[in-house]
Amino acid sequence: FRKIERSAIEMLAGVNSAVISTGGGAILDVSNVDNLRLNGKIVFTDREFEKLKAHKNRPLSSDKTKLEKLYRERYPLYNERCDIRFCPCETPEESANKLLEILK
């Protein structure tokens, strides 16, 4: 999976005027971070752990314990490797407008 992810990011890195939404593990590979920065900014949508939900169909975060482990492992990397740390608003519309203002 990570090999396919890396290849997709390499392919999309040169696209202009696009939003590339990656999975949470994309930042684990520094080459992904470098490729994403070639043509844009990396935005970390920072959410409190309590607001995250485990999903049974996601093996790495299928329950709260696994999800918390991922959160603790990756949170420092998200902060370190992002260009913009964004805390979402109450509604998706408010969040989108806020982020657009930040990106201008």
PDB file of N, CA and C in Angstrom:
ATOM      1  N   PHE A   1       0.825  -1.207   0.000  1.00  0.00           N
ATOM      2  CA  PHE A   1       0.000   0.000   0.000  1.00  0.00           C
ATOM      3  C   PHE A   1       0.863   1.262   0.000  1.00  0.00           C
ATOM      4  N   ARG A   2       1.884   1.298   0.850  1.00  0.00           N
ATOM      5  CA  ARG A   2       2.723   2.501   0.947  1.00  0.00           C
ATOM      6  C   ARG A   2       3.454   2.771  -0.365  1.00  0.00           C
ATOM      7  N   LYS A   3       3.827   1.722  -1.085  1.00  0.00           N
ATOM      8  CA  LYS A   3       4.496   1.891  -2.377  1.00  0.00           C
ATOM      9  C   LYS A   3       3.545   2.532  -3.395  1.00  0.00           C
ATOM     10  N   ILE A   4       2.303   2.099  -3.403  1.00  0.00           N
ATOM     11  CA  ILE A   4       1.294   2.669  -4.301  1.00  0.00           C
ATOM     12  C   ILE A   4       1.017   4.122  -3.897  1.00  0.00           C
ATOM     13  N   GLU A   5       0.926   4.362  -2.606  1.00  0.00           N
ATOM     14  CA  GLU A   5       0.707   5.710  -2.095  1.00  0.00           C
ATOM     15  C   GLU A   5       1.834   6.648  -2.531  1.00  0.00           C
ATOM     16  N   ARG A   6       3.074   6.208  -2.380  1.00  0.00           N
ATOM     17  CA  ARG A   6       4.232   7.012  -2.776  1.00  0.00           C
ATOM     18  C   ARG A   6       4.180   7.328  -4.269  1.00  0.00           C
ATOM     19  N   SER A   7       3.842   6.339  -5.066  1.00  0.00           N
ATOM     20  CA  SER A   7       3.753   6.526  -6.519  1.00  0.00           C
ATOM     21  C   SER A   7       2.659   7.534  -6.880  1.00  0.00           C
ATOM     22  N   ALA A   8       1.521   7.436  -6.237  1.00  0.00           N
ATOM     23  CA  ALA A   8       0.418   8.376  -6.498  1.00  0.00           C
ATOM     24  C   ALA A   8       0.805   9.798  -6.113  1.00  0.00           C
ATOM     25  N   ILE A   9       1.469   9.952  -4.996  1.00  0.00           N
ATOM     26  CA  ILE A   9       1.904  11.282  -4.555  1.00  0.00           C
ATOM     27  C   ILE A   9       2.930  11.844  -5.523  1.00  0.00           C
ATOM     28  N   GLU A  10       3.865  11.012  -5.979  1.00  0.00           N
ATOM     29  CA  GLU A  10       4.846  11.465  -6.971  1.00  0.00           C
ATOM     30  C   GLU A  10       4.146  11.973  -8.230  1.00  0.00           C
ATOM     31  N   MET A  11       3.124  11.250  -8.670  1.00  0.00           N
ATOM     32  CA  MET A  11       2.397  11.607  -9.881  1.00  0.00           C
ATOM     33  C   MET A  11       1.612  12.912  -9.697  1.00  0.00           C
ATOM     34  N   LEU A  12       1.015  13.084  -8.532  1.00  0.00           N
ATOM     35  CA  LEU A  12       0.161  14.251  -8.293  1.00  0.00           C
ATOM     36  C   LEU A  12       0.924  15.494  -7.836  1.00  0.00           C
ATOM     37  N   ALA A  13       2.163  15.340  -7.446  1.00  0.00           N
ATOM     38  CA  ALA A  13       2.926  16.445  -6.878  1.00  0.00           C
ATOM     39  C   ALA A  13       3.067  17.633  -7.822  1.00  0.00           C
ATOM     40  N   GLY A  14       3.026  17.399  -9.110  1.00  0.00           N
ATOM     41  CA  GLY A  14       3.183  18.487 -10.076  1.00  0.00           C
ATOM     42  C   GLY A  14       1.885  19.125 -10.523  1.00  0.00           C
ATOM     43  N   VAL A  15       0.765  18.650 -10.021  1.00  0.00           N
ATOM     44  CA  VAL A  15      -0.542  19.181 -10.432  1.00  0.00           C
ATOM     45  C   VAL A  15      -0.761  20.547  -9.795  1.00  0.00           C
ATOM     46  N   ASN A  16      -1.224  21.498 -10.592  1.00  0.00           N
ATOM     47  CA  ASN A  16      -1.508  22.852 -10.096  1.00  0.00           C
ATOM     48  C   ASN A  16      -2.956  22.983  -9.658  1.00  0.00           C
ATOM     49  N   SER A  17      -3.192  23.876  -8.702  1.00  0.00           N
ATOM     50  CA  SER A  17      -4.543  24.231  -8.248  1.00  0.00           C
ATOM     51  C   SER A  17      -5.353  23.008  -7.840  1.00  0.00           C
ATOM     52  N   ALA A  18      -4.779  22.174  -7.019  1.00  0.00           N
ATOM     53  CA  ALA A  18      -5.466  20.958  -6.587  1.00  0.00           C
ATOM     54  C   ALA A  18      -5.290  20.762  -5.080  1.00  0.00           C
ATOM     55  N   VAL A  19      -6.235  20.065  -4.504  1.00  0.00           N
ATOM     56  CA  VAL A  19      -6.134  19.629  -3.119  1.00  0.00           C
ATOM     57  C   VAL A  19      -5.866  18.134  -3.160  1.00  0.00           C
ATOM     58  N   ILE A  20      -4.801  17.718  -2.520  1.00  0.00           N
ATOM     59  CA  ILE A  20      -4.457  16.304  -2.454  1.00  0.00           C
ATOM     60  C   ILE A  20      -4.675  15.860  -1.017  1.00  0.00           C
ATOM     61  N   SER A  21      -5.670  15.055  -0.813  1.00  0.00           N
ATOM     62  CA  SER A  21      -5.989  14.577   0.531  1.00  0.00           C
ATOM     63  C   SER A  21      -5.360  13.205   0.710  1.00  0.00           C
ATOM     64  N   THR A  22      -4.367  13.132   1.580  1.00  0.00           N
ATOM     65  CA  THR A  22      -3.663  11.867   1.790  1.00  0.00           C
ATOM     66  C   THR A  22      -4.201  11.152   3.022  1.00  0.00           C
ATOM     67  N   GLY A  23      -3.820   9.921   3.161  1.00  0.00           N
ATOM     68  CA  GLY A  23      -4.111   9.197   4.380  1.00  0.00           C
ATOM     69  C   GLY A  23      -3.146   9.643   5.464  1.00  0.00           C
ATOM     70  N   GLY A  24      -3.425   9.304   6.684  1.00  0.00           N
ATOM     71  CA  GLY A  24      -2.617   9.739   7.811  1.00  0.00           C
ATOM     72  C   GLY A  24      -1.204   9.216   7.819  1.00  0.00           C
ATOM     73  N   GLY A  25      -0.951   8.111   7.120  1.00  0.00           N
ATOM     74  CA  GLY A  25       0.386   7.540   7.104  1.00  0.00           C
ATOM     75  C   GLY A  25       1.292   8.100   6.029  1.00  0.00           C
ATOM     76  N   ALA A  26       0.776   8.946   5.161  1.00  0.00           N
ATOM     77  CA  ALA A  26       1.585   9.480   4.058  1.00  0.00           C
ATOM     78  C   ALA A  26       2.804  10.239   4.566  1.00  0.00           C
ATOM     79  N   ILE A  27       2.680  10.897   5.687  1.00  0.00           N
ATOM     80  CA  ILE A  27       3.783  11.707   6.207  1.00  0.00           C
ATOM     81  C   ILE A  27       4.900  10.868   6.820  1.00  0.00           C
ATOM     82  N   LEU A  28       4.687   9.582   6.964  1.00  0.00           N
ATOM     83  CA  LEU A  28       5.716   8.711   7.520  1.00  0.00           C
ATOM     84  C   LEU A  28       6.909   8.609   6.571  1.00  0.00           C
ATOM     85  N   ASP A  29       6.656   8.796   5.285  1.00  0.00           N
ATOM     86  CA  ASP A  29       7.685   8.720   4.251  1.00  0.00           C
ATOM     87  C   ASP A  29       8.120  10.146   3.896  1.00  0.00           C
ATOM     88  N   VAL A  30       9.358  10.481   4.206  1.00  0.00           N
ATOM     89  CA  VAL A  30       9.859  11.837   3.975  1.00  0.00           C
ATOM     90  C   VAL A  30       9.800  12.203   2.492  1.00  0.00           C
ATOM     91  N   SER A  31       9.953  11.230   1.596  1.00  0.00           N
ATOM     92  CA  SER A  31       9.864  11.541   0.164  1.00  0.00           C
ATOM     93  C   SER A  31       8.464  12.018  -0.202  1.00  0.00           C
ATOM     94  N   ASN A  32       7.440  11.509   0.475  1.00  0.00           N
ATOM     95  CA  ASN A  32       6.074  12.007   0.249  1.00  0.00           C
ATOM     96  C   ASN A  32       5.981  13.475   0.650  1.00  0.00           C
ATOM     97  N   VAL A  33       6.539  13.793   1.797  1.00  0.00           N
ATOM     98  CA  VAL A  33       6.522  15.171   2.295  1.00  0.00           C
ATOM     99  C   VAL A  33       7.238  16.077   1.300  1.00  0.00           C
ATOM    100  N   ASP A  34       8.406  15.662   0.855  1.00  0.00           N
ATOM    101  CA  ASP A  34       9.171  16.456  -0.110  1.00  0.00           C
ATOM    102  C   ASP A  34       8.394  16.655  -1.408  1.00  0.00           C
ATOM    103  N   ASN A  35       7.788  15.593  -1.917  1.00  0.00           N
ATOM    104  CA  ASN A  35       7.017  15.700  -3.165  1.00  0.00           C
ATOM    105  C   ASN A  35       5.799  16.602  -3.009  1.00  0.00           C
ATOM    106  N   LEU A  36       5.111  16.489  -1.893  1.00  0.00           N
ATOM    107  CA  LEU A  36       3.933  17.335  -1.680  1.00  0.00           C
ATOM    108  C   LEU A  36       4.319  18.811  -1.572  1.00  0.00           C
ATOM    109  N   ARG A  37       5.485  19.081  -1.057  1.00  0.00           N
ATOM    110  CA  ARG A  37       5.948  20.468  -0.924  1.00  0.00           C
ATOM    111  C   ARG A  37       6.444  21.063  -2.239  1.00  0.00           C
ATOM    112  N   LEU A  38       6.667  20.245  -3.253  1.00  0.00           N
ATOM    113  CA  LEU A  38       7.165  20.750  -4.532  1.00  0.00           C
ATOM    114  C   LEU A  38       6.239  21.807  -5.121  1.00  0.00           C
ATOM    115  N   ASN A  39       4.961  21.656  -4.898  1.00  0.00           N
ATOM    116  CA  ASN A  39       3.991  22.506  -5.569  1.00  0.00           C
ATOM    117  C   ASN A  39       2.883  22.993  -4.639  1.00  0.00           C
ATOM    118  N   GLY A  40       3.134  22.959  -3.333  1.00  0.00           N
ATOM    119  CA  GLY A  40       2.067  23.392  -2.445  1.00  0.00           C
ATOM    120  C   GLY A  40       2.465  23.358  -0.984  1.00  0.00           C
ATOM    121  N   LYS A  41       1.470  23.450  -0.163  1.00  0.00           N
ATOM    122  CA  LYS A  41       1.637  23.463   1.295  1.00  0.00           C
ATOM    123  C   LYS A  41       0.996  22.207   1.880  1.00  0.00           C
ATOM    124  N   ILE A  42       1.592  21.738   2.952  1.00  0.00           N
ATOM    125  CA  ILE A  42       1.016  20.605   3.680  1.00  0.00           C
ATOM    126  C   ILE A  42       0.229  21.170   4.850  1.00  0.00           C
ATOM    127  N   VAL A  43      -1.058  20.868   4.862  1.00  0.00           N
ATOM    128  CA  VAL A  43      -1.956  21.355   5.909  1.00  0.00           C
ATOM    129  C   VAL A  43      -2.296  20.185   6.829  1.00  0.00           C
ATOM    130  N   PHE A  44      -2.017  20.358   8.097  1.00  0.00           N
ATOM    131  CA  PHE A  44      -2.376  19.375   9.121  1.00  0.00           C
ATOM    132  C   PHE A  44      -3.683  19.826   9.752  1.00  0.00           C
ATOM    133  N   THR A  45      -4.728  19.044   9.558  1.00  0.00           N
ATOM    134  CA  THR A  45      -6.010  19.327  10.200  1.00  0.00           C
ATOM    135  C   THR A  45      -5.954  18.702  11.585  1.00  0.00           C
ATOM    136  N   ASP A  46      -5.690  19.524  12.567  1.00  0.00           N
ATOM    137  CA  ASP A  46      -5.464  19.087  13.936  1.00  0.00           C
ATOM    138  C   ASP A  46      -6.796  18.972  14.672  1.00  0.00           C
ATOM    139  N   ARG A  47      -7.086  17.775  15.119  1.00  0.00           N
ATOM    140  CA  ARG A  47      -8.313  17.538  15.893  1.00  0.00           C
ATOM    141  C   ARG A  47      -7.950  16.902  17.218  1.00  0.00           C
ATOM    142  N   GLU A  48      -8.726  17.226  18.223  1.00  0.00           N
ATOM    143  CA  GLU A  48      -8.512  16.627  19.542  1.00  0.00           C
ATOM    144  C   GLU A  48      -8.769  15.125  19.457  1.00  0.00           C
ATOM    145  N   PHE A  49      -7.984  14.365  20.201  1.00  0.00           N
ATOM    146  CA  PHE A  49      -8.142  12.913  20.178  1.00  0.00           C
ATOM    147  C   PHE A  49      -9.571  12.500  20.503  1.00  0.00           C
ATOM    148  N   GLU A  50     -10.181  13.171  21.451  1.00  0.00           N
ATOM    149  CA  GLU A  50     -11.531  12.812  21.879  1.00  0.00           C
ATOM    150  C   GLU A  50     -12.553  12.905  20.744  1.00  0.00           C
ATOM    151  N   LYS A  51     -12.255  13.693  19.725  1.00  0.00           N
ATOM    152  CA  LYS A  51     -13.196  13.864  18.604  1.00  0.00           C
ATOM    153  C   LYS A  51     -12.954  12.859  17.476  1.00  0.00           C
ATOM    154  N   LEU A  52     -11.898  12.071  17.586  1.00  0.00           N
ATOM    155  CA  LEU A  52     -11.611  11.066  16.572  1.00  0.00           C
ATOM    156  C   LEU A  52     -12.399   9.802  16.857  1.00  0.00           C
ATOM    157  N   LYS A  53     -12.713   9.061  15.800  1.00  0.00           N
ATOM    158  CA  LYS A  53     -13.492   7.838  15.953  1.00  0.00           C
ATOM    159  C   LYS A  53     -12.737   6.661  15.363  1.00  0.00           C
ATOM    160  N   ALA A  54     -12.791   5.554  16.072  1.00  0.00           N
ATOM    161  CA  ALA A  54     -12.217   4.309  15.564  1.00  0.00           C
ATOM    162  C   ALA A  54     -13.167   3.748  14.508  1.00  0.00           C
ATOM    163  N   HIS A  55     -12.597   3.060  13.524  1.00  0.00           N
ATOM    164  CA  HIS A  55     -13.395   2.446  12.460  1.00  0.00           C
ATOM    165  C   HIS A  55     -12.998   0.984  12.331  1.00  0.00           C
ATOM    166  N   LYS A  56     -13.972   0.115  12.435  1.00  0.00           N
ATOM    167  CA  LYS A  56     -13.696  -1.323  12.409  1.00  0.00           C
ATOM    168  C   LYS A  56     -13.064  -1.780  11.098  1.00  0.00           C
ATOM    169  N   ASN A  57     -13.330  -1.060  10.006  1.00  0.00           N
ATOM    170  CA  ASN A  57     -12.775  -1.461   8.721  1.00  0.00           C
ATOM    171  C   ASN A  57     -11.372  -0.897   8.481  1.00  0.00           C
ATOM    172  N   ARG A  58     -10.792  -0.252   9.478  1.00  0.00           N
ATOM    173  CA  ARG A  58      -9.421   0.296   9.397  1.00  0.00           C
ATOM    174  C   ARG A  58      -8.557  -0.460  10.407  1.00  0.00           C
ATOM    175  N   PRO A  59      -7.791  -1.449   9.961  1.00  0.00           N
ATOM    176  CA  PRO A  59      -7.052  -2.310  10.902  1.00  0.00           C
ATOM    177  C   PRO A  59      -6.139  -1.563  11.876  1.00  0.00           C
ATOM    178  N   LEU A  60      -5.503  -0.473  11.444  1.00  0.00           N
ATOM    179  CA  LEU A  60      -4.584   0.232  12.330  1.00  0.00           C
ATOM    180  C   LEU A  60      -5.299   1.088  13.367  1.00  0.00           C
ATOM    181  N   SER A  61      -6.582   1.354  13.142  1.00  0.00           N
ATOM    182  CA  SER A  61      -7.336   2.180  14.098  1.00  0.00           C
ATOM    183  C   SER A  61      -8.736   1.620  14.307  1.00  0.00           C
ATOM    184  N   SER A  62      -8.803   0.307  14.474  1.00  0.00           N
ATOM    185  CA  SER A  62     -10.099  -0.364  14.578  1.00  0.00           C
ATOM    186  C   SER A  62     -10.767  -0.232  15.942  1.00  0.00           C
ATOM    187  N   ASP A  63     -10.025   0.202  16.941  1.00  0.00           N
ATOM    188  CA  ASP A  63     -10.612   0.461  18.254  1.00  0.00           C
ATOM    189  C   ASP A  63      -9.888   1.650  18.892  1.00  0.00           C
ATOM    190  N   LYS A  64     -10.417   2.150  19.993  1.00  0.00           N
ATOM    191  CA  LYS A  64      -9.866   3.356  20.625  1.00  0.00           C
ATOM    192  C   LYS A  64      -8.411   3.177  21.069  1.00  0.00           C
ATOM    193  N   THR A  65      -8.049   1.989  21.510  1.00  0.00           N
ATOM    194  CA  THR A  65      -6.679   1.747  21.965  1.00  0.00           C
ATOM    195  C   THR A  65      -5.698   1.864  20.802  1.00  0.00           C
ATOM    196  N   LYS A  66      -6.025   1.228  19.680  1.00  0.00           N
ATOM    197  CA  LYS A  66      -5.164   1.309  18.494  1.00  0.00           C
ATOM    198  C   LYS A  66      -5.118   2.736  17.957  1.00  0.00           C
ATOM    199  N   LEU A  67      -6.263   3.396  17.961  1.00  0.00           N
ATOM    200  CA  LEU A  67      -6.337   4.764  17.475  1.00  0.00           C
ATOM    201  C   LEU A  67      -5.472   5.691  18.338  1.00  0.00           C
ATOM    202  N   GLU A  68      -5.523   5.505  19.640  1.00  0.00           N
ATOM    203  CA  GLU A  68      -4.712   6.341  20.532  1.00  0.00           C
ATOM    204  C   GLU A  68      -3.219   6.096  20.311  1.00  0.00           C
ATOM    205  N   LYS A  69      -2.835   4.857  20.066  1.00  0.00           N
ATOM    206  CA  LYS A  69      -1.433   4.533  19.795  1.00  0.00           C
ATOM    207  C   LYS A  69      -0.969   5.270  18.531  1.00  0.00           C
ATOM    208  N   LEU A  70      -1.763   5.210  17.465  1.00  0.00           N
ATOM    209  CA  LEU A  70      -1.422   5.926  16.230  1.00  0.00           C
ATOM    210  C   LEU A  70      -1.329   7.421  16.471  1.00  0.00           C
ATOM    211  N   TYR A  71      -2.274   7.942  17.201  1.00  0.00           N
ATOM    212  CA  TYR A  71      -2.313   9.377  17.494  1.00  0.00           C
ATOM    213  C   TYR A  71      -1.029   9.813  18.198  1.00  0.00           C
ATOM    214  N   ARG A  72      -0.638   9.079  19.222  1.00  0.00           N
ATOM    215  CA  ARG A  72       0.569   9.427  19.988  1.00  0.00           C
ATOM    216  C   ARG A  72       1.837   9.302  19.135  1.00  0.00           C
ATOM    217  N   GLU A  73       1.882   8.298  18.265  1.00  0.00           N
ATOM    218  CA  GLU A  73       3.051   8.103  17.406  1.00  0.00           C
ATOM    219  C   GLU A  73       3.155   9.179  16.331  1.00  0.00           C
ATOM    220  N   ARG A  74       2.025   9.518  15.723  1.00  0.00           N
ATOM    221  CA  ARG A  74       2.047  10.384  14.539  1.00  0.00           C
ATOM    222  C   ARG A  74       1.877  11.872  14.831  1.00  0.00           C
ATOM    223  N   TYR A  75       1.246  12.212  15.920  1.00  0.00           N
ATOM    224  CA  TYR A  75       0.967  13.626  16.198  1.00  0.00           C
ATOM    225  C   TYR A  75       2.219  14.504  16.124  1.00  0.00           C
ATOM    226  N   PRO A  76       3.336  14.089  16.742  1.00  0.00           N
ATOM    227  CA  PRO A  76       4.538  14.922  16.626  1.00  0.00           C
ATOM    228  C   PRO A  76       5.024  15.058  15.174  1.00  0.00           C
ATOM    229  N   LEU A  77       4.899  13.993  14.387  1.00  0.00           N
ATOM    230  CA  LEU A  77       5.302  14.059  12.979  1.00  0.00           C
ATOM    231  C   LEU A  77       4.405  15.001  12.186  1.00  0.00           C
ATOM    232  N   TYR A  78       3.114  14.950  12.439  1.00  0.00           N
ATOM    233  CA  TYR A  78       2.194  15.860  11.739  1.00  0.00           C
ATOM    234  C   TYR A  78       2.585  17.309  12.009  1.00  0.00           C
ATOM    235  N   ASN A  79       2.859  17.610  13.264  1.00  0.00           N
ATOM    236  CA  ASN A  79       3.251  18.978  13.625  1.00  0.00           C
ATOM    237  C   ASN A  79       4.592  19.370  13.018  1.00  0.00           C
ATOM    238  N   GLU A  80       5.514  18.443  13.012  1.00  0.00           N
ATOM    239  CA  GLU A  80       6.859  18.712  12.493  1.00  0.00           C
ATOM    240  C   GLU A  80       6.870  18.887  10.978  1.00  0.00           C
ATOM    241  N   ARG A  81       6.059  18.116  10.271  1.00  0.00           N
ATOM    242  CA  ARG A  81       6.147  18.073   8.815  1.00  0.00           C
ATOM    243  C   ARG A  81       5.098  18.906   8.087  1.00  0.00           C
ATOM    244  N   CYS A  82       4.230  19.555   8.813  1.00  0.00           N
ATOM    245  CA  CYS A  82       3.232  20.381   8.144  1.00  0.00           C
ATOM    246  C   CYS A  82       3.751  21.796   7.928  1.00  0.00           C
ATOM    247  N   ASP A  83       3.170  22.483   6.947  1.00  0.00           N
ATOM    248  CA  ASP A  83       3.466  23.896   6.725  1.00  0.00           C
ATOM    249  C   ASP A  83       2.449  24.764   7.456  1.00  0.00           C
ATOM    250  N   ILE A  84       1.248  24.235   7.572  1.00  0.00           N
ATOM    251  CA  ILE A  84       0.155  24.958   8.224  1.00  0.00           C
ATOM    252  C   ILE A  84      -0.569  23.989   9.152  1.00  0.00           C
ATOM    253  N   ARG A  85      -0.699  24.373  10.399  1.00  0.00           N
ATOM    254  CA  ARG A  85      -1.487  23.594  11.367  1.00  0.00           C
ATOM    255  C   ARG A  85      -2.844  24.272  11.462  1.00  0.00           C
ATOM    256  N   PHE A  86      -3.883  23.527  11.120  1.00  0.00           N
ATOM    257  CA  PHE A  86      -5.225  24.088  11.022  1.00  0.00           C
ATOM    258  C   PHE A  86      -6.155  23.381  12.002  1.00  0.00           C
ATOM    259  N   CYS A  87      -6.823  24.181  12.843  1.00  0.00           N
ATOM    260  CA  CYS A  87      -7.815  23.634  13.769  1.00  0.00           C
ATOM    261  C   CYS A  87      -9.199  23.921  13.185  1.00  0.00           C
ATOM    262  N   PRO A  88      -9.945  22.889  12.836  1.00  0.00           N
ATOM    263  CA  PRO A  88     -11.230  23.105  12.182  1.00  0.00           C
ATOM    264  C   PRO A  88     -12.254  23.788  13.089  1.00  0.00           C
ATOM    265  N   CYS A  89     -13.200  24.449  12.433  1.00  0.00           N
ATOM    266  CA  CYS A  89     -14.295  25.139  13.119  1.00  0.00           C
ATOM    267  C   CYS A  89     -15.429  24.143  13.391  1.00  0.00           C
ATOM    268  N   GLU A  90     -16.550  24.684  13.843  1.00  0.00           N
ATOM    269  CA  GLU A  90     -17.698  23.845  14.173  1.00  0.00           C
ATOM    270  C   GLU A  90     -18.337  23.185  12.952  1.00  0.00           C
ATOM    271  N   THR A  91     -18.463  23.919  11.853  1.00  0.00           N
ATOM    272  CA  THR A  91     -19.112  23.353  10.669  1.00  0.00           C
ATOM    273  C   THR A  91     -18.095  23.222   9.528  1.00  0.00           C
ATOM    274  N   PRO A  92     -18.331  22.298   8.606  1.00  0.00           N
ATOM    275  CA  PRO A  92     -17.440  22.165   7.452  1.00  0.00           C
ATOM    276  C   PRO A  92     -17.334  23.458   6.641  1.00  0.00           C
ATOM    277  N   GLU A  93     -18.439  24.181   6.505  1.00  0.00           N
ATOM    278  CA  GLU A  93     -18.430  25.427   5.742  1.00  0.00           C
ATOM    279  C   GLU A  93     -17.536  26.476   6.397  1.00  0.00           C
ATOM    280  N   GLU A  94     -17.661  26.613   7.721  1.00  0.00           N
ATOM    281  CA  GLU A  94     -16.807  27.558   8.453  1.00  0.00           C
ATOM    282  C   GLU A  94     -15.339  27.162   8.334  1.00  0.00           C
ATOM    283  N   SER A  95     -15.081  25.875   8.428  1.00  0.00           N
ATOM    284  CA  SER A  95     -13.704  25.385   8.317  1.00  0.00           C
ATOM    285  C   SER A  95     -13.135  25.681   6.939  1.00  0.00           C
ATOM    286  N   ALA A  96     -13.912  25.413   5.896  1.00  0.00           N
ATOM    287  CA  ALA A  96     -13.442  25.659   4.533  1.00  0.00           C
ATOM    288  C   ALA A  96     -13.134  27.137   4.335  1.00  0.00           C
ATOM    289  N   ASN A  97     -14.006  28.003   4.792  1.00  0.00           N
ATOM    290  CA  ASN A  97     -13.783  29.457   4.642  1.00  0.00           C
ATOM    291  C   ASN A  97     -12.549  29.913   5.422  1.00  0.00           C
ATOM    292  N   LYS A  98     -12.388  29.404   6.630  1.00  0.00           N
ATOM    293  CA  LYS A  98     -11.224  29.753   7.452  1.00  0.00           C
ATOM    294  C   LYS A  98      -9.935  29.310   6.780  1.00  0.00           C
ATOM    295  N   LEU A  99      -9.930  28.100   6.263  1.00  0.00           N
ATOM    296  CA  LEU A  99      -8.727  27.586   5.612  1.00  0.00           C
ATOM    297  C   LEU A  99      -8.417  28.360   4.335  1.00  0.00           C
ATOM    298  N   LEU A 100      -9.437  28.712   3.580  1.00  0.00           N
ATOM    299  CA  LEU A 100      -9.212  29.528   2.373  1.00  0.00           C
ATOM    300  C   LEU A 100      -8.560  30.857   2.733  1.00  0.00           C
ATOM    301  N   GLU A 101      -8.986  31.462   3.818  1.00  0.00           N
ATOM    302  CA  GLU A 101      -8.381  32.726   4.252  1.00  0.00           C
ATOM    303  C   GLU A 101      -6.914  32.531   4.627  1.00  0.00           C
ATOM    304  N   ILE A 102      -6.622  31.451   5.304  1.00  0.00           N
ATOM    305  CA  ILE A 102      -5.244  31.170   5.708  1.00  0.00           C
ATOM    306  C   ILE A 102      -4.357  30.954   4.482  1.00  0.00           C
ATOM    307  N   LEU A 103      -4.880  30.293   3.471  1.00  0.00           N
ATOM    308  CA  LEU A 103      -4.087  29.954   2.281  1.00  0.00           C
ATOM    309  C   LEU A 103      -3.890  31.112   1.319  1.00  0.00           C
ATOM    310  N   LYS A 104      -4.652  32.182   1.481  1.00  0.00           N
ATOM    311  CA  LYS A 104      -4.514  33.339   0.565  1.00  0.00           C
ATOM    312  C   LYS A 104      -3.204  34.038   0.748  1.00  0.00           C
TER     313      LYS A 104
END
